[in-house]
Structure formats: structure tokens, C-alpha cells
């Protein structure tokens, strides 16, 4: 059996691919509960396995920072497209 993150394999199928699935609200609730438990898990790791706690923090922070940078890049690209459109007209 393969280890998983917060999402199960079925969660990974339902969330992006089945927006009208009747089980979607149930999946969202379970995922929300797992996210809330992540804080407790992080505290346990910080107390007993600090290296793993740091790895978890780094992974989450890196992903968050990447998403922020991607949003900024998309905004810049939109601005450039609008400027080009204004110049062409």
C-alpha cells in the first residue's frame, strides 16, 4: 500500500474531476478535518522529531510561496497583455 498525504486516492479523483459528485461535500469535510489535525501532528513532530517537523514546515511554506509567486507572475502577464493591447490600439 502506498503512503498518502492529506488526500486519499479517491479524494484525488473526486476533487478535481467530479465537481457534481454527491460525495464531494463529505470529501471536503474529511479533508478539512485532516488539515485541522495536521497542526497537532506538527506539534508532536516538533516535540519528538524536530527534523521531520522542519521538513513539513519547509514543504508547506515552499508550496505556499510558490503559489504566491505564480499569482504575481500571472498578474504581471495580464498587465503586459493589457499594455500591449493599448499600444496596438
PDB file of N, CA and C in Angstrom:
ATOM      1  N   UNK A   1       0.838  -1.185   0.000  1.00  0.00           N
ATOM      2  CA  UNK A   1       0.000   0.000   0.000  1.00  0.00           C
ATOM      3  C   UNK A   1       0.881   1.246   0.000  1.00  0.00           C
ATOM      4  N   UNK A   2       0.532   2.187  -0.822  1.00  0.00           N
ATOM      5  CA  UNK A   2       1.300   3.422  -0.968  1.00  0.00           C
ATOM      6  C   UNK A   2       0.892   4.414   0.118  1.00  0.00           C
ATOM      7  N   UNK A   3       1.872   5.110   0.692  1.00  0.00           N
ATOM      8  CA  UNK A   3       1.569   6.162   1.653  1.00  0.00           C
ATOM      9  C   UNK A   3       0.828   7.278   0.947  1.00  0.00           C
ATOM     10  N   UNK A   4       0.077   8.053   1.719  1.00  0.00           N
ATOM     11  CA  UNK A   4      -0.656   9.156   1.127  1.00  0.00           C
ATOM     12  C   UNK A   4      -0.429  10.416   1.933  1.00  0.00           C
ATOM     13  N   UNK A   5      -0.793  11.519   1.342  1.00  0.00           N
ATOM     14  CA  UNK A   5      -0.762  12.795   2.039  1.00  0.00           C
ATOM     15  C   UNK A   5      -2.109  13.036   2.690  1.00  0.00           C
ATOM     16  N   UNK A   6      -2.583  14.232   2.608  1.00  0.00           N
ATOM     17  CA  UNK A   6      -3.875  14.577   3.189  1.00  0.00           C
ATOM     18  C   UNK A   6      -5.015  13.952   2.391  1.00  0.00           C
ATOM     19  N   UNK A   7      -4.837  13.825   1.077  1.00  0.00           N
ATOM     20  CA  UNK A   7      -5.883  13.273   0.224  1.00  0.00           C
ATOM     21  C   UNK A   7      -5.680  11.781  -0.008  1.00  0.00           C
ATOM     22  N   UNK A   8      -6.787  11.023  -0.011  1.00  0.00           N
ATOM     23  CA  UNK A   8      -6.734   9.629  -0.436  1.00  0.00           C
ATOM     24  C   UNK A   8      -6.723   9.610  -1.959  1.00  0.00           C
ATOM     25  N   UNK A   9      -6.486   8.454  -2.544  1.00  0.00           N
ATOM     26  CA  UNK A   9      -6.514   8.355  -3.999  1.00  0.00           C
ATOM     27  C   UNK A   9      -7.898   8.727  -4.523  1.00  0.00           C
ATOM     28  N   UNK A  10      -8.942   8.288  -3.833  1.00  0.00           N
ATOM     29  CA  UNK A  10     -10.306   8.618  -4.278  1.00  0.00           C
ATOM     30  C   UNK A  10     -10.571  10.116  -4.152  1.00  0.00           C
ATOM     31  N   UNK A  11     -10.091  10.741  -3.060  1.00  0.00           N
ATOM     32  CA  UNK A  11     -10.218  12.197  -2.911  1.00  0.00           C
ATOM     33  C   UNK A  11      -9.578  12.898  -4.103  1.00  0.00           C
ATOM     34  N   UNK A  12      -8.429  12.387  -4.521  1.00  0.00           N
ATOM     35  CA  UNK A  12      -7.697  12.980  -5.641  1.00  0.00           C
ATOM     36  C   UNK A  12      -8.466  12.853  -6.957  1.00  0.00           C
ATOM     37  N   UNK A  13      -9.336  11.865  -7.045  1.00  0.00           N
ATOM     38  CA  UNK A  13     -10.166  11.709  -8.239  1.00  0.00           C
ATOM     39  C   UNK A  13     -11.391  12.634  -8.165  1.00  0.00           C
ATOM     40  N   UNK A  14     -12.025  12.680  -7.009  1.00  0.00           N
ATOM     41  CA  UNK A  14     -13.272  13.424  -6.858  1.00  0.00           C
ATOM     42  C   UNK A  14     -13.058  14.930  -6.935  1.00  0.00           C
ATOM     43  N   UNK A  15     -12.095  15.448  -6.196  1.00  0.00           N
ATOM     44  CA  UNK A  15     -11.957  16.908  -6.074  1.00  0.00           C
ATOM     45  C   UNK A  15     -11.715  17.589  -7.430  1.00  0.00           C
ATOM     46  N   UNK A  16     -10.725  17.193  -8.213  1.00  0.00           N
ATOM     47  CA  UNK A  16     -10.511  17.928  -9.461  1.00  0.00           C
ATOM     48  C   UNK A  16     -11.401  17.490 -10.628  1.00  0.00           C
ATOM     49  N   UNK A  17     -11.911  16.268 -10.587  1.00  0.00           N
ATOM     50  CA  UNK A  17     -12.559  15.712 -11.768  1.00  0.00           C
ATOM     51  C   UNK A  17     -14.061  15.511 -11.666  1.00  0.00           C
ATOM     52  N   UNK A  18     -14.609  15.573 -10.459  1.00  0.00           N
ATOM     53  CA  UNK A  18     -16.022  15.263 -10.284  1.00  0.00           C
ATOM     54  C   UNK A  18     -16.711  16.323  -9.421  1.00  0.00           C
ATOM     55  N   UNK A  19     -16.839  17.554  -9.947  1.00  0.00           N
ATOM     56  CA  UNK A  19     -17.391  18.643  -9.129  1.00  0.00           C
ATOM     57  C   UNK A  19     -18.842  18.420  -8.701  1.00  0.00           C
ATOM     58  N   UNK A  20     -19.600  17.592  -9.417  1.00  0.00           N
ATOM     59  CA  UNK A  20     -21.000  17.359  -9.075  1.00  0.00           C
ATOM     60  C   UNK A  20     -21.223  16.041  -8.343  1.00  0.00           C
ATOM     61  N   UNK A  21     -20.135  15.391  -7.938  1.00  0.00           N
ATOM     62  CA  UNK A  21     -20.237  14.131  -7.218  1.00  0.00           C
ATOM     63  C   UNK A  21     -20.933  14.357  -5.882  1.00  0.00           C
ATOM     64  N   UNK A  22     -21.904  13.506  -5.561  1.00  0.00           N
ATOM     65  CA  UNK A  22     -22.655  13.627  -4.304  1.00  0.00           C
ATOM     66  C   UNK A  22     -21.767  13.472  -3.082  1.00  0.00           C
ATOM     67  N   UNK A  23     -20.645  12.809  -3.237  1.00  0.00           N
ATOM     68  CA  UNK A  23     -19.731  12.582  -2.110  1.00  0.00           C
ATOM     69  C   UNK A  23     -18.781  13.751  -1.884  1.00  0.00           C
ATOM     70  N   UNK A  24     -18.769  14.721  -2.789  1.00  0.00           N
ATOM     71  CA  UNK A  24     -17.826  15.842  -2.687  1.00  0.00           C
ATOM     72  C   UNK A  24     -17.914  16.575  -1.348  1.00  0.00           C
ATOM     73  N   UNK A  25     -19.115  16.918  -0.821  1.00  0.00           N
ATOM     74  CA  UNK A  25     -19.168  17.585   0.488  1.00  0.00           C
ATOM     75  C   UNK A  25     -18.553  16.736   1.604  1.00  0.00           C
ATOM     76  N   UNK A  26     -18.772  15.439   1.550  1.00  0.00           N
ATOM     77  CA  UNK A  26     -18.192  14.527   2.537  1.00  0.00           C
ATOM     78  C   UNK A  26     -16.668  14.521   2.428  1.00  0.00           C
ATOM     79  N   UNK A  27     -16.170  14.494   1.209  1.00  0.00           N
ATOM     80  CA  UNK A  27     -14.717  14.519   0.974  1.00  0.00           C
ATOM     81  C   UNK A  27     -14.136  15.812   1.533  1.00  0.00           C
ATOM     82  N   UNK A  28     -14.783  16.942   1.246  1.00  0.00           N
ATOM     83  CA  UNK A  28     -14.292  18.234   1.734  1.00  0.00           C
ATOM     84  C   UNK A  28     -14.252  18.263   3.259  1.00  0.00           C
ATOM     85  N   UNK A  29     -15.263  17.714   3.902  1.00  0.00           N
ATOM     86  CA  UNK A  29     -15.289  17.681   5.370  1.00  0.00           C
ATOM     87  C   UNK A  29     -14.147  16.842   5.909  1.00  0.00           C
ATOM     88  N   UNK A  30     -13.940  15.669   5.318  1.00  0.00           N
ATOM     89  CA  UNK A  30     -12.836  14.810   5.783  1.00  0.00           C
ATOM     90  C   UNK A  30     -11.490  15.489   5.599  1.00  0.00           C
ATOM     91  N   UNK A  31     -11.293  16.127   4.449  1.00  0.00           N
ATOM     92  CA  UNK A  31     -10.024  16.810   4.188  1.00  0.00           C
ATOM     93  C   UNK A  31      -9.850  17.963   5.168  1.00  0.00           C
ATOM     94  N   UNK A  32     -10.909  18.725   5.399  1.00  0.00           N
ATOM     95  CA  UNK A  32     -10.844  19.841   6.368  1.00  0.00           C
ATOM     96  C   UNK A  32     -10.432  19.321   7.751  1.00  0.00           C
ATOM     97  N   UNK A  33     -11.007  18.192   8.166  1.00  0.00           N
ATOM     98  CA  UNK A  33     -10.648  17.596   9.465  1.00  0.00           C
ATOM     99  C   UNK A  33      -9.191  17.158   9.493  1.00  0.00           C
ATOM    100  N   UNK A  34      -8.708  16.608   8.394  1.00  0.00           N
ATOM    101  CA  UNK A  34      -7.306  16.184   8.339  1.00  0.00           C
ATOM    102  C   UNK A  34      -6.370  17.387   8.426  1.00  0.00           C
ATOM    103  N   UNK A  35      -6.743  18.469   7.788  1.00  0.00           N
ATOM    104  CA  UNK A  35      -5.925  19.680   7.850  1.00  0.00           C
ATOM    105  C   UNK A  35      -5.859  20.197   9.280  1.00  0.00           C
ATOM    106  N   UNK A  36      -6.987  20.174   9.975  1.00  0.00           N
ATOM    107  CA  UNK A  36      -7.002  20.619  11.377  1.00  0.00           C
ATOM    108  C   UNK A  36      -6.112  19.735  12.253  1.00  0.00           C
ATOM    109  N   UNK A  37      -6.093  18.445  11.972  1.00  0.00           N
ATOM    110  CA  UNK A  37      -5.252  17.527  12.749  1.00  0.00           C
ATOM    111  C   UNK A  37      -3.778  17.692  12.424  1.00  0.00           C
ATOM    112  N   UNK A  38      -3.492  18.269  11.280  1.00  0.00           N
ATOM    113  CA  UNK A  38      -2.109  18.489  10.881  1.00  0.00           C
ATOM    114  C   UNK A  38      -1.372  19.362  11.892  1.00  0.00           C
ATOM    115  N   UNK A  39      -2.065  20.330  12.477  1.00  0.00           N
ATOM    116  CA  UNK A  39      -1.435  21.182  13.491  1.00  0.00           C
ATOM    117  C   UNK A  39      -0.969  20.354  14.689  1.00  0.00           C
ATOM    118  N   UNK A  40      -1.822  19.431  15.127  1.00  0.00           N
ATOM    119  CA  UNK A  40      -1.447  18.552  16.239  1.00  0.00           C
ATOM    120  C   UNK A  40      -0.266  17.661  15.847  1.00  0.00           C
ATOM    121  N   UNK A  41      -0.308  17.138  14.632  1.00  0.00           N
ATOM    122  CA  UNK A  41       0.794  16.301  14.154  1.00  0.00           C
ATOM    123  C   UNK A  41       2.106  17.079  14.127  1.00  0.00           C
ATOM    124  N   UNK A  42       2.030  18.312  13.682  1.00  0.00           N
ATOM    125  CA  UNK A  42       3.228  19.141  13.628  1.00  0.00           C
ATOM    126  C   UNK A  42       3.809  19.368  15.017  1.00  0.00           C
ATOM    127  N   UNK A  43       2.954  19.573  16.004  1.00  0.00           N
ATOM    128  CA  UNK A  43       3.433  19.766  17.377  1.00  0.00           C
ATOM    129  C   UNK A  43       4.105  18.500  17.902  1.00  0.00           C
ATOM    130  N   UNK A  44       3.516  17.347  17.621  1.00  0.00           N
ATOM    131  CA  UNK A  44       4.122  16.074  18.048  1.00  0.00           C
ATOM    132  C   UNK A  44       5.493  15.907  17.393  1.00  0.00           C
ATOM    133  N   UNK A  45       5.569  16.199  16.096  1.00  0.00           N
ATOM    134  CA  UNK A  45       6.860  16.099  15.409  1.00  0.00           C
ATOM    135  C   UNK A  45       7.866  17.096  15.976  1.00  0.00           C
ATOM    136  N   UNK A  46       7.421  18.307  16.246  1.00  0.00           N
ATOM    137  CA  UNK A  46       8.331  19.325  16.799  1.00  0.00           C
ATOM    138  C   UNK A  46       8.888  18.869  18.139  1.00  0.00           C
ATOM    139  N   UNK A  47       8.066  18.216  18.945  1.00  0.00           N
ATOM    140  CA  UNK A  47       8.498  17.751  20.266  1.00  0.00           C
ATOM    141  C   UNK A  47       9.416  16.532  20.204  1.00  0.00           C
ATOM    142  N   UNK A  48       9.177  15.649  19.219  1.00  0.00           N
ATOM    143  CA  UNK A  48       9.872  14.362  19.234  1.00  0.00           C
ATOM    144  C   UNK A  48      10.754  14.092  18.017  1.00  0.00           C
ATOM    145  N   UNK A  49      10.475  14.744  16.910  1.00  0.00           N
ATOM    146  CA  UNK A  49      11.258  14.557  15.678  1.00  0.00           C
ATOM    147  C   UNK A  49      11.397  15.911  14.991  1.00  0.00           C
ATOM    148  N   UNK A  50      12.205  16.803  15.568  1.00  0.00           N
ATOM    149  CA  UNK A  50      12.291  18.168  15.043  1.00  0.00           C
ATOM    150  C   UNK A  50      12.695  18.264  13.572  1.00  0.00           C
ATOM    151  N   UNK A  51      13.505  17.327  13.096  1.00  0.00           N
ATOM    152  CA  UNK A  51      13.916  17.372  11.687  1.00  0.00           C
ATOM    153  C   UNK A  51      12.712  17.166  10.778  1.00  0.00           C
ATOM    154  N   UNK A  52      11.832  16.236  11.165  1.00  0.00           N
ATOM    155  CA  UNK A  52      10.635  15.993  10.361  1.00  0.00           C
ATOM    156  C   UNK A  52       9.677  17.183  10.438  1.00  0.00           C
ATOM    157  N   UNK A  53       9.588  17.804  11.594  1.00  0.00           N
ATOM    158  CA  UNK A  53       8.743  18.993  11.734  1.00  0.00           C
ATOM    159  C   UNK A  53       9.238  20.102  10.818  1.00  0.00           C
ATOM    160  N   UNK A  54      10.532  20.282  10.767  1.00  0.00           N
ATOM    161  CA  UNK A  54      11.108  21.314   9.904  1.00  0.00           C
ATOM    162  C   UNK A  54      10.861  20.999   8.433  1.00  0.00           C
ATOM    163  N   UNK A  55      10.975  19.735   8.066  1.00  0.00           N
ATOM    164  CA  UNK A  55      10.712  19.310   6.685  1.00  0.00           C
ATOM    165  C   UNK A  55       9.259  19.609   6.313  1.00  0.00           C
ATOM    166  N   UNK A  56       8.343  19.331   7.215  1.00  0.00           N
ATOM    167  CA  UNK A  56       6.932  19.606   6.963  1.00  0.00           C
ATOM    168  C   UNK A  56       6.696  21.105   6.795  1.00  0.00           C
ATOM    169  N   UNK A  57       7.267  21.897   7.695  1.00  0.00           N
ATOM    170  CA  UNK A  57       7.131  23.361   7.585  1.00  0.00           C
ATOM    171  C   UNK A  57       7.706  23.864   6.260  1.00  0.00           C
ATOM    172  N   UNK A  58       8.887  23.378   5.906  1.00  0.00           N
ATOM    173  CA  UNK A  58       9.525  23.800   4.656  1.00  0.00           C
ATOM    174  C   UNK A  58       8.673  23.438   3.447  1.00  0.00           C
ATOM    175  N   UNK A  59       8.123  22.242   3.450  1.00  0.00           N
ATOM    176  CA  UNK A  59       7.307  21.787   2.330  1.00  0.00           C
ATOM    177  C   UNK A  59       6.069  22.655   2.172  1.00  0.00           C
ATOM    178  N   UNK A  60       5.383  22.911   3.270  1.00  0.00           N
ATOM    179  CA  UNK A  60       4.161  23.720   3.216  1.00  0.00           C
ATOM    180  C   UNK A  60       4.489  25.161   2.842  1.00  0.00           C
ATOM    181  N   UNK A  61       5.504  25.721   3.445  1.00  0.00           N
ATOM    182  CA  UNK A  61       5.868  27.113   3.166  1.00  0.00           C
ATOM    183  C   UNK A  61       6.365  27.286   1.740  1.00  0.00           C
ATOM    184  N   UNK A  62       7.145  26.348   1.243  1.00  0.00           N
ATOM    185  CA  UNK A  62       7.649  26.421  -0.124  1.00  0.00           C
ATOM    186  C   UNK A  62       6.491  26.369  -1.111  1.00  0.00           C
ATOM    187  N   UNK A  63       5.544  25.472  -0.887  1.00  0.00           N
ATOM    188  CA  UNK A  63       4.385  25.372  -1.775  1.00  0.00           C
ATOM    189  C   UNK A  63       3.563  26.652  -1.732  1.00  0.00           C
ATOM    190  N   UNK A  64       3.381  27.202  -0.541  1.00  0.00           N
ATOM    191  CA  UNK A  64       2.614  28.440  -0.395  1.00  0.00           C
ATOM    192  C   UNK A  64       3.315  29.589  -1.097  1.00  0.00           C
ATOM    193  N   UNK A  65       4.612  29.704  -0.903  1.00  0.00           N
ATOM    194  CA  UNK A  65       5.374  30.770  -1.544  1.00  0.00           C
ATOM    195  C   UNK A  65       5.347  30.613  -3.065  1.00  0.00           C
ATOM    196  N   UNK A  66       5.464  29.382  -3.546  1.00  0.00           N
ATOM    197  CA  UNK A  66       5.406  29.127  -4.978  1.00  0.00           C
ATOM    198  C   UNK A  66       4.061  29.604  -5.534  1.00  0.00           C
ATOM    199  N   UNK A  67       2.965  29.303  -4.850  1.00  0.00           N
ATOM    200  CA  UNK A  67       1.645  29.723  -5.314  1.00  0.00           C
ATOM    201  C   UNK A  67       1.522  31.236  -5.341  1.00  0.00           C
ATOM    202  N   UNK A  68       2.072  31.910  -4.328  1.00  0.00           N
ATOM    203  CA  UNK A  68       2.033  33.372  -4.306  1.00  0.00           C
ATOM    204  C   UNK A  68       2.818  33.956  -5.477  1.00  0.00           C
ATOM    205  N   UNK A  69       3.994  33.406  -5.716  1.00  0.00           N
ATOM    206  CA  UNK A  69       4.811  33.891  -6.827  1.00  0.00           C
ATOM    207  C   UNK A  69       4.127  33.633  -8.167  1.00  0.00           C
ATOM    208  N   UNK A  70       3.485  32.491  -8.276  1.00  0.00           N
ATOM    209  CA  UNK A  70       2.766  32.175  -9.506  1.00  0.00           C
ATOM    210  C   UNK A  70       1.623  33.160  -9.726  1.00  0.00           C
ATOM    211  N   UNK A  71       0.917  33.532  -8.664  1.00  0.00           N
ATOM    212  CA  UNK A  71      -0.161  34.523  -8.762  1.00  0.00           C
ATOM    213  C   UNK A  71       0.383  35.875  -9.218  1.00  0.00           C
ATOM    214  N   UNK A  72       1.509  36.284  -8.643  1.00  0.00           N
ATOM    215  CA  UNK A  72       2.124  37.557  -9.026  1.00  0.00           C
ATOM    216  C   UNK A  72       2.540  37.515 -10.501  1.00  0.00           C
ATOM    217  N   UNK A  73       3.151  36.421 -10.916  1.00  0.00           N
ATOM    218  CA  UNK A  73       3.569  36.277 -12.312  1.00  0.00           C
ATOM    219  C   UNK A  73       2.357  36.351 -13.247  1.00  0.00           C
ATOM    220  N   UNK A  74       1.283  35.694 -12.898  1.00  0.00           N
ATOM    221  CA  UNK A  74       0.069  35.749 -13.721  1.00  0.00           C
ATOM    222  C   UNK A  74      -0.468  37.170 -13.810  1.00  0.00           C
ATOM    223  N   UNK A  75      -0.455  37.890 -12.691  1.00  0.00           N
ATOM    224  CA  UNK A  75      -0.904  39.292 -12.697  1.00  0.00           C
ATOM    225  C   UNK A  75      -0.026  40.140 -13.611  1.00  0.00           C
ATOM    226  N   UNK A  76       1.279  39.936 -13.554  1.00  0.00           N
ATOM    227  CA  UNK A  76       2.206  40.693 -14.411  1.00  0.00           C
ATOM    228  C   UNK A  76       1.941  40.375 -15.874  1.00  0.00           C
ATOM    229  N   UNK A  77       1.736  39.101 -16.179  1.00  0.00           N
ATOM    230  CA  UNK A  77       1.462  38.725 -17.564  1.00  0.00           C
ATOM    231  C   UNK A  77       0.158  39.350 -18.053  1.00  0.00           C
ATOM    232  N   UNK A  78      -0.851  39.405 -17.204  1.00  0.00           N
ATOM    233  CA  UNK A  78      -2.111  40.061 -17.565  1.00  0.00           C
ATOM    234  C   UNK A  78      -1.895  41.550 -17.818  1.00  0.00           C
ATOM    235  N   UNK A  79      -1.100  42.183 -16.955  1.00  0.00           N
ATOM    236  CA  UNK A  79      -0.801  43.613 -17.127  1.00  0.00           C
ATOM    237  C   UNK A  79      -0.069  43.867 -18.445  1.00  0.00           C
ATOM    238  N   UNK A  80       0.893  43.025 -18.770  1.00  0.00           N
ATOM    239  CA  UNK A  80       1.646  43.168 -20.020  1.00  0.00           C
ATOM    240  C   UNK A  80       0.711  43.012 -21.219  1.00  0.00           C
ATOM    241  N   UNK A  81      -0.179  42.028 -21.145  1.00  0.00           N
ATOM    242  CA  UNK A  81      -1.127  41.828 -22.249  1.00  0.00           C
ATOM    243  C   UNK A  81      -2.025  43.052 -22.417  1.00  0.00           C
ATOM    244  N   UNK A  82      -2.470  43.637 -21.314  1.00  0.00           N
ATOM    245  CA  UNK A  82      -3.318  44.834 -21.391  1.00  0.00           C
ATOM    246  C   UNK A  82      -2.549  46.018 -21.965  1.00  0.00           C
ATOM    247  N   UNK A  83      -1.296  46.172 -21.576  1.00  0.00           N
ATOM    248  CA  UNK A  83      -0.462  47.258 -22.110  1.00  0.00           C
ATOM    249  C   UNK A  83      -0.255  47.077 -23.604  1.00  0.00           C
ATOM    250  N   UNK A  84       0.044  45.851 -24.025  1.00  0.00           N
ATOM    251  CA  UNK A  84       0.233  45.580 -25.453  1.00  0.00           C
ATOM    252  C   UNK A  84      -1.030  45.887 -26.244  1.00  0.00           C
ATOM    253  N   UNK A  85      -2.158  45.527 -25.682  1.00  0.00           N
ATOM    254  CA  UNK A  85      -3.427  45.787 -26.347  1.00  0.00           C
ATOM    255  C   UNK A  85      -3.649  47.293 -26.495  1.00  0.00           C
ATOM    256  N   UNK A  86      -3.329  48.060 -25.455  1.00  0.00           N
ATOM    257  CA  UNK A  86      -3.466  49.512 -25.517  1.00  0.00           C
ATOM    258  C   UNK A  86      -2.512  50.127 -26.531  1.00  0.00           C
ATOM    259  N   UNK A  87      -1.312  49.599 -26.615  1.00  0.00           N
ATOM    260  CA  UNK A  87      -0.318  50.118 -27.555  1.00  0.00           C
ATOM    261  C   UNK A  87      -0.749  49.822 -28.986  1.00  0.00           C
ATOM    262  N   UNK A  88      -1.293  48.633 -29.215  1.00  0.00           N
ATOM    263  CA  UNK A  88      -1.719  48.238 -30.555  1.00  0.00           C
ATOM    264  C   UNK A  88      -2.943  49.021 -31.031  1.00  0.00           C
ATOM    265  N   UNK A  89      -3.714  49.535 -30.105  1.00  0.00           N
ATOM    266  CA  UNK A  89      -4.938  50.263 -30.497  1.00  0.00           C
ATOM    267  C   UNK A  89      -4.656  51.701 -30.597  1.00  0.00           C
TER     268      UNK A  89
END
